[in-house]
Amino acid sequence: MAKNLNDNVRKTYKDYKKEYVELEVKKERLINEIRQRLLNVATANPDAIVTEMGDTEIRAKSIANANYIKGIEIPTCILYIQKIEEWLAKQNPIQQKEIEFDS
């Protein structure tokens, strides 16, 4: 098996710095993508219930604002997307049947 020439080379601070910056850029892109997805699904489905506060249902139209979404933590954004997608699935319970082929 051929050995990679870089296997015996130690990384320098420049290598670590470059990797770190690349990861930060990827993280920021993912965060922006998640927030944009939440804005899109909340705007498209204003009546979806994203959470409850006591006896009050909080609907997607209440959070469908880019500035408001920027203040929401990412795990909560993901949870809200999940809630809206689950709400949508309940609104449209008809699922397309999978076609099975004989082998």
N, C-alpha and C. Protein backbone atom coordinates (compact mmCIF):
# COMPACT_ATOMS: atom_id res chain seq x y z
N MET A 1 0.85 -1.17 0.00
CA MET A 1 0.00 0.00 0.00
C MET A 1 0.90 1.24 0.00
N ALA A 2 0.63 2.17 -0.90
CA ALA A 2 1.44 3.38 -1.01
C ALA A 2 1.15 4.30 0.17
N LYS A 3 2.20 4.85 0.70
CA LYS A 3 2.09 5.75 1.84
C LYS A 3 2.05 7.19 1.35
N ASN A 4 1.14 7.96 1.94
CA ASN A 4 1.03 9.38 1.60
C ASN A 4 2.29 10.10 2.07
N LEU A 5 2.83 10.96 1.23
CA LEU A 5 4.06 11.67 1.58
C LEU A 5 3.86 12.58 2.78
N ASN A 6 2.63 13.05 3.01
CA ASN A 6 2.37 13.97 4.11
C ASN A 6 2.19 13.26 5.45
N ASP A 7 2.20 11.92 5.47
CA ASP A 7 1.99 11.18 6.71
C ASP A 7 3.08 11.47 7.75
N ASN A 8 4.29 11.75 7.31
CA ASN A 8 5.40 11.96 8.24
C ASN A 8 5.66 13.44 8.51
N VAL A 9 4.85 14.31 7.94
CA VAL A 9 5.05 15.75 8.11
C VAL A 9 4.11 16.26 9.19
N ARG A 10 4.69 16.95 10.16
CA ARG A 10 3.87 17.53 11.24
C ARG A 10 3.20 18.80 10.76
N LYS A 11 2.01 19.03 11.27
CA LYS A 11 1.31 20.26 10.94
C LYS A 11 1.95 21.43 11.68
N THR A 12 1.93 22.57 11.03
CA THR A 12 2.45 23.79 11.65
C THR A 12 1.27 24.65 12.10
N TYR A 13 1.57 25.73 12.77
CA TYR A 13 0.51 26.63 13.21
C TYR A 13 -0.27 27.16 12.03
N LYS A 14 0.40 27.34 10.88
CA LYS A 14 -0.28 27.82 9.68
C LYS A 14 -1.34 26.83 9.22
N ASP A 15 -1.00 25.53 9.29
CA ASP A 15 -1.95 24.49 8.90
C ASP A 15 -3.17 24.50 9.82
N TYR A 16 -2.91 24.59 11.12
CA TYR A 16 -4.01 24.61 12.09
C TYR A 16 -4.86 25.86 11.91
N LYS A 17 -4.22 26.99 11.69
CA LYS A 17 -4.93 28.25 11.52
C LYS A 17 -5.82 28.19 10.27
N LYS A 18 -5.29 27.66 9.19
CA LYS A 18 -6.05 27.54 7.95
C LYS A 18 -7.26 26.63 8.15
N GLU A 19 -7.05 25.48 8.78
CA GLU A 19 -8.15 24.55 9.06
C GLU A 19 -9.21 25.21 9.93
N TYR A 20 -8.77 25.92 10.95
CA TYR A 20 -9.68 26.58 11.87
C TYR A 20 -10.54 27.62 11.15
N VAL A 21 -9.91 28.43 10.33
CA VAL A 21 -10.64 29.46 9.59
C VAL A 21 -11.65 28.82 8.63
N GLU A 22 -11.24 27.75 7.97
CA GLU A 22 -12.15 27.04 7.06
C GLU A 22 -13.36 26.49 7.82
N LEU A 23 -13.14 25.95 9.00
CA LEU A 23 -14.25 25.44 9.81
C LEU A 23 -15.18 26.56 10.28
N GLU A 24 -14.61 27.68 10.65
CA GLU A 24 -15.43 28.82 11.07
C GLU A 24 -16.31 29.30 9.93
N VAL A 25 -15.76 29.33 8.73
CA VAL A 25 -16.53 29.77 7.56
C VAL A 25 -17.67 28.78 7.29
N LYS A 26 -17.37 27.48 7.36
CA LYS A 26 -18.40 26.45 7.16
C LYS A 26 -19.48 26.55 8.23
N LYS A 27 -19.08 26.78 9.46
CA LYS A 27 -20.04 26.91 10.56
C LYS A 27 -20.96 28.10 10.32
N GLU A 28 -20.39 29.22 9.93
CA GLU A 28 -21.20 30.43 9.69
C GLU A 28 -22.17 30.21 8.54
N ARG A 29 -21.72 29.53 7.49
CA ARG A 29 -22.62 29.23 6.37
C ARG A 29 -23.78 28.35 6.82
N LEU A 30 -23.49 27.34 7.63
CA LEU A 30 -24.53 26.45 8.12
C LEU A 30 -25.53 27.20 9.00
N ILE A 31 -25.04 28.05 9.87
CA ILE A 31 -25.91 28.85 10.73
C ILE A 31 -26.83 29.72 9.89
N ASN A 32 -26.28 30.37 8.86
CA ASN A 32 -27.10 31.21 7.99
C ASN A 32 -28.13 30.39 7.23
N GLU A 33 -27.73 29.20 6.79
CA GLU A 33 -28.65 28.31 6.07
C GLU A 33 -29.81 27.87 6.97
N ILE A 34 -29.50 27.53 8.22
CA ILE A 34 -30.53 27.11 9.17
C ILE A 34 -31.50 28.26 9.44
N ARG A 35 -30.98 29.44 9.67
CA ARG A 35 -31.84 30.60 9.93
C ARG A 35 -32.70 30.95 8.72
N GLN A 36 -32.13 30.85 7.54
CA GLN A 36 -32.89 31.14 6.32
C GLN A 36 -33.99 30.10 6.13
N ARG A 37 -33.69 28.84 6.40
CA ARG A 37 -34.69 27.78 6.29
C ARG A 37 -35.84 28.02 7.27
N LEU A 38 -35.52 28.41 8.49
CA LEU A 38 -36.57 28.70 9.46
C LEU A 38 -37.43 29.86 8.99
N LEU A 39 -36.81 30.90 8.49
CA LEU A 39 -37.57 32.04 7.99
C LEU A 39 -38.49 31.61 6.85
N ASN A 40 -37.98 30.79 5.93
CA ASN A 40 -38.77 30.33 4.79
C ASN A 40 -39.97 29.49 5.23
N VAL A 41 -39.74 28.50 6.10
CA VAL A 41 -40.85 27.63 6.50
C VAL A 41 -41.83 28.35 7.40
N ALA A 42 -41.35 29.27 8.23
CA ALA A 42 -42.25 30.03 9.10
C ALA A 42 -43.12 30.98 8.28
N THR A 43 -42.54 31.59 7.25
CA THR A 43 -43.29 32.49 6.38
C THR A 43 -44.31 31.72 5.55
N ALA A 44 -43.91 30.57 5.05
CA ALA A 44 -44.79 29.76 4.20
C ALA A 44 -45.91 29.08 4.99
N ASN A 45 -45.70 28.88 6.29
CA ASN A 45 -46.67 28.16 7.12
C ASN A 45 -46.97 28.94 8.40
N PRO A 46 -47.59 30.10 8.27
CA PRO A 46 -47.78 30.98 9.42
C PRO A 46 -48.63 30.40 10.55
N ASP A 47 -49.48 29.42 10.25
CA ASP A 47 -50.35 28.86 11.28
C ASP A 47 -49.75 27.66 12.01
N ALA A 48 -48.57 27.24 11.60
CA ALA A 48 -47.92 26.11 12.28
C ALA A 48 -47.57 26.50 13.71
N ILE A 49 -47.76 25.58 14.62
CA ILE A 49 -47.46 25.83 16.03
C ILE A 49 -46.00 25.42 16.27
N VAL A 50 -45.19 26.38 16.70
CA VAL A 50 -43.77 26.09 16.92
C VAL A 50 -43.46 25.77 18.38
N THR A 51 -44.26 26.33 19.30
CA THR A 51 -44.05 26.06 20.72
C THR A 51 -45.28 26.52 21.48
N GLU A 52 -45.26 26.28 22.77
CA GLU A 52 -46.35 26.73 23.63
C GLU A 52 -45.76 27.42 24.84
N MET A 53 -46.45 28.46 25.29
CA MET A 53 -46.07 29.16 26.52
C MET A 53 -47.29 29.08 27.42
N GLY A 54 -47.24 28.16 28.36
CA GLY A 54 -48.41 27.93 29.20
C GLY A 54 -49.52 27.35 28.36
N ASP A 55 -50.67 28.03 28.32
CA ASP A 55 -51.80 27.59 27.52
C ASP A 55 -51.83 28.23 26.14
N THR A 56 -50.84 29.08 25.85
CA THR A 56 -50.84 29.83 24.59
C THR A 56 -49.96 29.14 23.55
N GLU A 57 -50.54 28.91 22.38
CA GLU A 57 -49.78 28.34 21.26
C GLU A 57 -49.07 29.46 20.52
N ILE A 58 -47.79 29.29 20.30
CA ILE A 58 -47.01 30.27 19.55
C ILE A 58 -46.91 29.77 18.11
N ARG A 59 -47.41 30.56 17.20
CA ARG A 59 -47.46 30.17 15.79
C ARG A 59 -46.26 30.73 15.02
N ALA A 60 -46.00 30.10 13.90
CA ALA A 60 -44.84 30.46 13.08
C ALA A 60 -44.86 31.92 12.65
N LYS A 61 -46.06 32.47 12.44
CA LYS A 61 -46.12 33.87 12.01
C LYS A 61 -45.54 34.81 13.05
N SER A 62 -45.49 34.37 14.31
CA SER A 62 -44.94 35.19 15.39
C SER A 62 -43.42 35.31 15.32
N ILE A 63 -42.78 34.35 14.65
CA ILE A 63 -41.31 34.36 14.58
C ILE A 63 -40.79 34.62 13.18
N ALA A 64 -41.69 34.81 12.21
CA ALA A 64 -41.29 34.95 10.80
C ALA A 64 -40.72 36.34 10.52
N ASN A 65 -39.59 36.62 11.15
CA ASN A 65 -38.90 37.90 10.99
C ASN A 65 -37.40 37.64 11.08
N ALA A 66 -36.67 38.05 10.06
CA ALA A 66 -35.24 37.75 10.00
C ALA A 66 -34.49 38.28 11.22
N ASN A 67 -34.81 39.49 11.66
CA ASN A 67 -34.12 40.05 12.82
C ASN A 67 -34.44 39.27 14.10
N TYR A 68 -35.67 38.84 14.24
CA TYR A 68 -36.05 38.05 15.41
C TYR A 68 -35.33 36.70 15.39
N ILE A 69 -35.29 36.06 14.23
CA ILE A 69 -34.66 34.74 14.10
C ILE A 69 -33.17 34.81 14.41
N LYS A 70 -32.52 35.93 14.10
CA LYS A 70 -31.09 36.08 14.41
C LYS A 70 -30.81 35.95 15.90
N GLY A 71 -31.80 36.27 16.73
CA GLY A 71 -31.63 36.19 18.17
C GLY A 71 -31.95 34.83 18.76
N ILE A 72 -32.45 33.92 17.94
CA ILE A 72 -32.80 32.58 18.41
C ILE A 72 -31.57 31.68 18.32
N GLU A 73 -31.31 30.91 19.36
CA GLU A 73 -30.18 29.99 19.34
C GLU A 73 -30.42 28.91 18.28
N ILE A 74 -29.34 28.43 17.68
CA ILE A 74 -29.43 27.47 16.58
C ILE A 74 -30.16 26.18 16.97
N PRO A 75 -29.90 25.57 18.13
CA PRO A 75 -30.68 24.37 18.47
C PRO A 75 -32.19 24.64 18.52
N THR A 76 -32.58 25.83 18.95
CA THR A 76 -33.99 26.20 18.98
C THR A 76 -34.52 26.41 17.57
N CYS A 77 -33.71 27.01 16.70
CA CYS A 77 -34.11 27.15 15.29
C CYS A 77 -34.39 25.79 14.67
N ILE A 78 -33.51 24.84 14.93
CA ILE A 78 -33.67 23.49 14.39
C ILE A 78 -34.94 22.85 14.95
N LEU A 79 -35.20 23.05 16.23
CA LEU A 79 -36.41 22.52 16.85
C LEU A 79 -37.66 23.13 16.21
N TYR A 80 -37.65 24.43 15.96
CA TYR A 80 -38.79 25.09 15.33
C TYR A 80 -39.01 24.57 13.91
N ILE A 81 -37.93 24.35 13.17
CA ILE A 81 -38.05 23.78 11.82
C ILE A 81 -38.70 22.40 11.92
N GLN A 82 -38.25 21.61 12.88
CA GLN A 82 -38.81 20.28 13.10
C GLN A 82 -40.30 20.37 13.39
N LYS A 83 -40.69 21.27 14.30
CA LYS A 83 -42.10 21.43 14.67
C LYS A 83 -42.95 21.81 13.46
N ILE A 84 -42.45 22.72 12.63
CA ILE A 84 -43.19 23.14 11.44
C ILE A 84 -43.31 21.99 10.45
N GLU A 85 -42.22 21.25 10.24
CA GLU A 85 -42.26 20.11 9.32
C GLU A 85 -43.22 19.03 9.82
N GLU A 86 -43.24 18.78 11.12
CA GLU A 86 -44.17 17.81 11.69
C GLU A 86 -45.61 18.31 11.54
N TRP A 87 -45.83 19.59 11.76
CA TRP A 87 -47.15 20.18 11.59
C TRP A 87 -47.62 20.02 10.15
N LEU A 88 -46.71 20.27 9.20
CA LEU A 88 -47.03 20.11 7.78
C LEU A 88 -47.40 18.66 7.46
N ALA A 89 -46.66 17.71 8.01
CA ALA A 89 -46.94 16.30 7.76
C ALA A 89 -48.34 15.93 8.26
N LYS A 90 -48.77 16.51 9.37
CA LYS A 90 -50.11 16.25 9.90
C LYS A 90 -51.18 16.88 9.02
N GLN A 91 -50.86 17.99 8.38
CA GLN A 91 -51.83 18.64 7.50
C GLN A 91 -52.03 17.87 6.21
N ASN A 92 -51.01 17.17 5.79
CA ASN A 92 -51.05 16.39 4.55
C ASN A 92 -50.69 14.94 4.86
N PRO A 93 -51.62 14.19 5.44
CA PRO A 93 -51.30 12.84 5.88
C PRO A 93 -51.12 11.83 4.74
N ILE A 94 -51.46 12.20 3.52
CA ILE A 94 -51.32 11.28 2.41
C ILE A 94 -49.84 11.19 2.04
N GLN A 95 -49.31 9.99 2.11
CA GLN A 95 -47.91 9.76 1.77
C GLN A 95 -47.86 8.97 0.45
N GLN A 96 -46.92 9.32 -0.38
CA GLN A 96 -46.76 8.58 -1.63
C GLN A 96 -46.23 7.20 -1.31
N LYS A 97 -46.84 6.20 -1.94
CA LYS A 97 -46.43 4.82 -1.70
C LYS A 97 -45.12 4.54 -2.41
N GLU A 98 -44.26 3.78 -1.73
CA GLU A 98 -42.98 3.39 -2.34
C GLU A 98 -43.23 2.22 -3.29
N ILE A 99 -42.58 2.26 -4.42
CA ILE A 99 -42.69 1.16 -5.38
C ILE A 99 -41.59 0.16 -5.08
N GLU A 100 -42.00 -1.09 -4.92
CA GLU A 100 -41.03 -2.15 -4.67
C GLU A 100 -40.86 -2.98 -5.91
N PHE A 101 -39.64 -3.23 -6.27
CA PHE A 101 -39.34 -4.03 -7.46
C PHE A 101 -38.85 -5.40 -7.01
N ASP A 102 -39.29 -6.43 -7.74
CA ASP A 102 -38.81 -7.79 -7.45
C ASP A 102 -37.38 -7.91 -7.93
N SER A 103 -36.59 -8.61 -7.13
CA SER A 103 -35.17 -8.77 -7.50
C SER A 103 -35.00 -9.89 -8.47
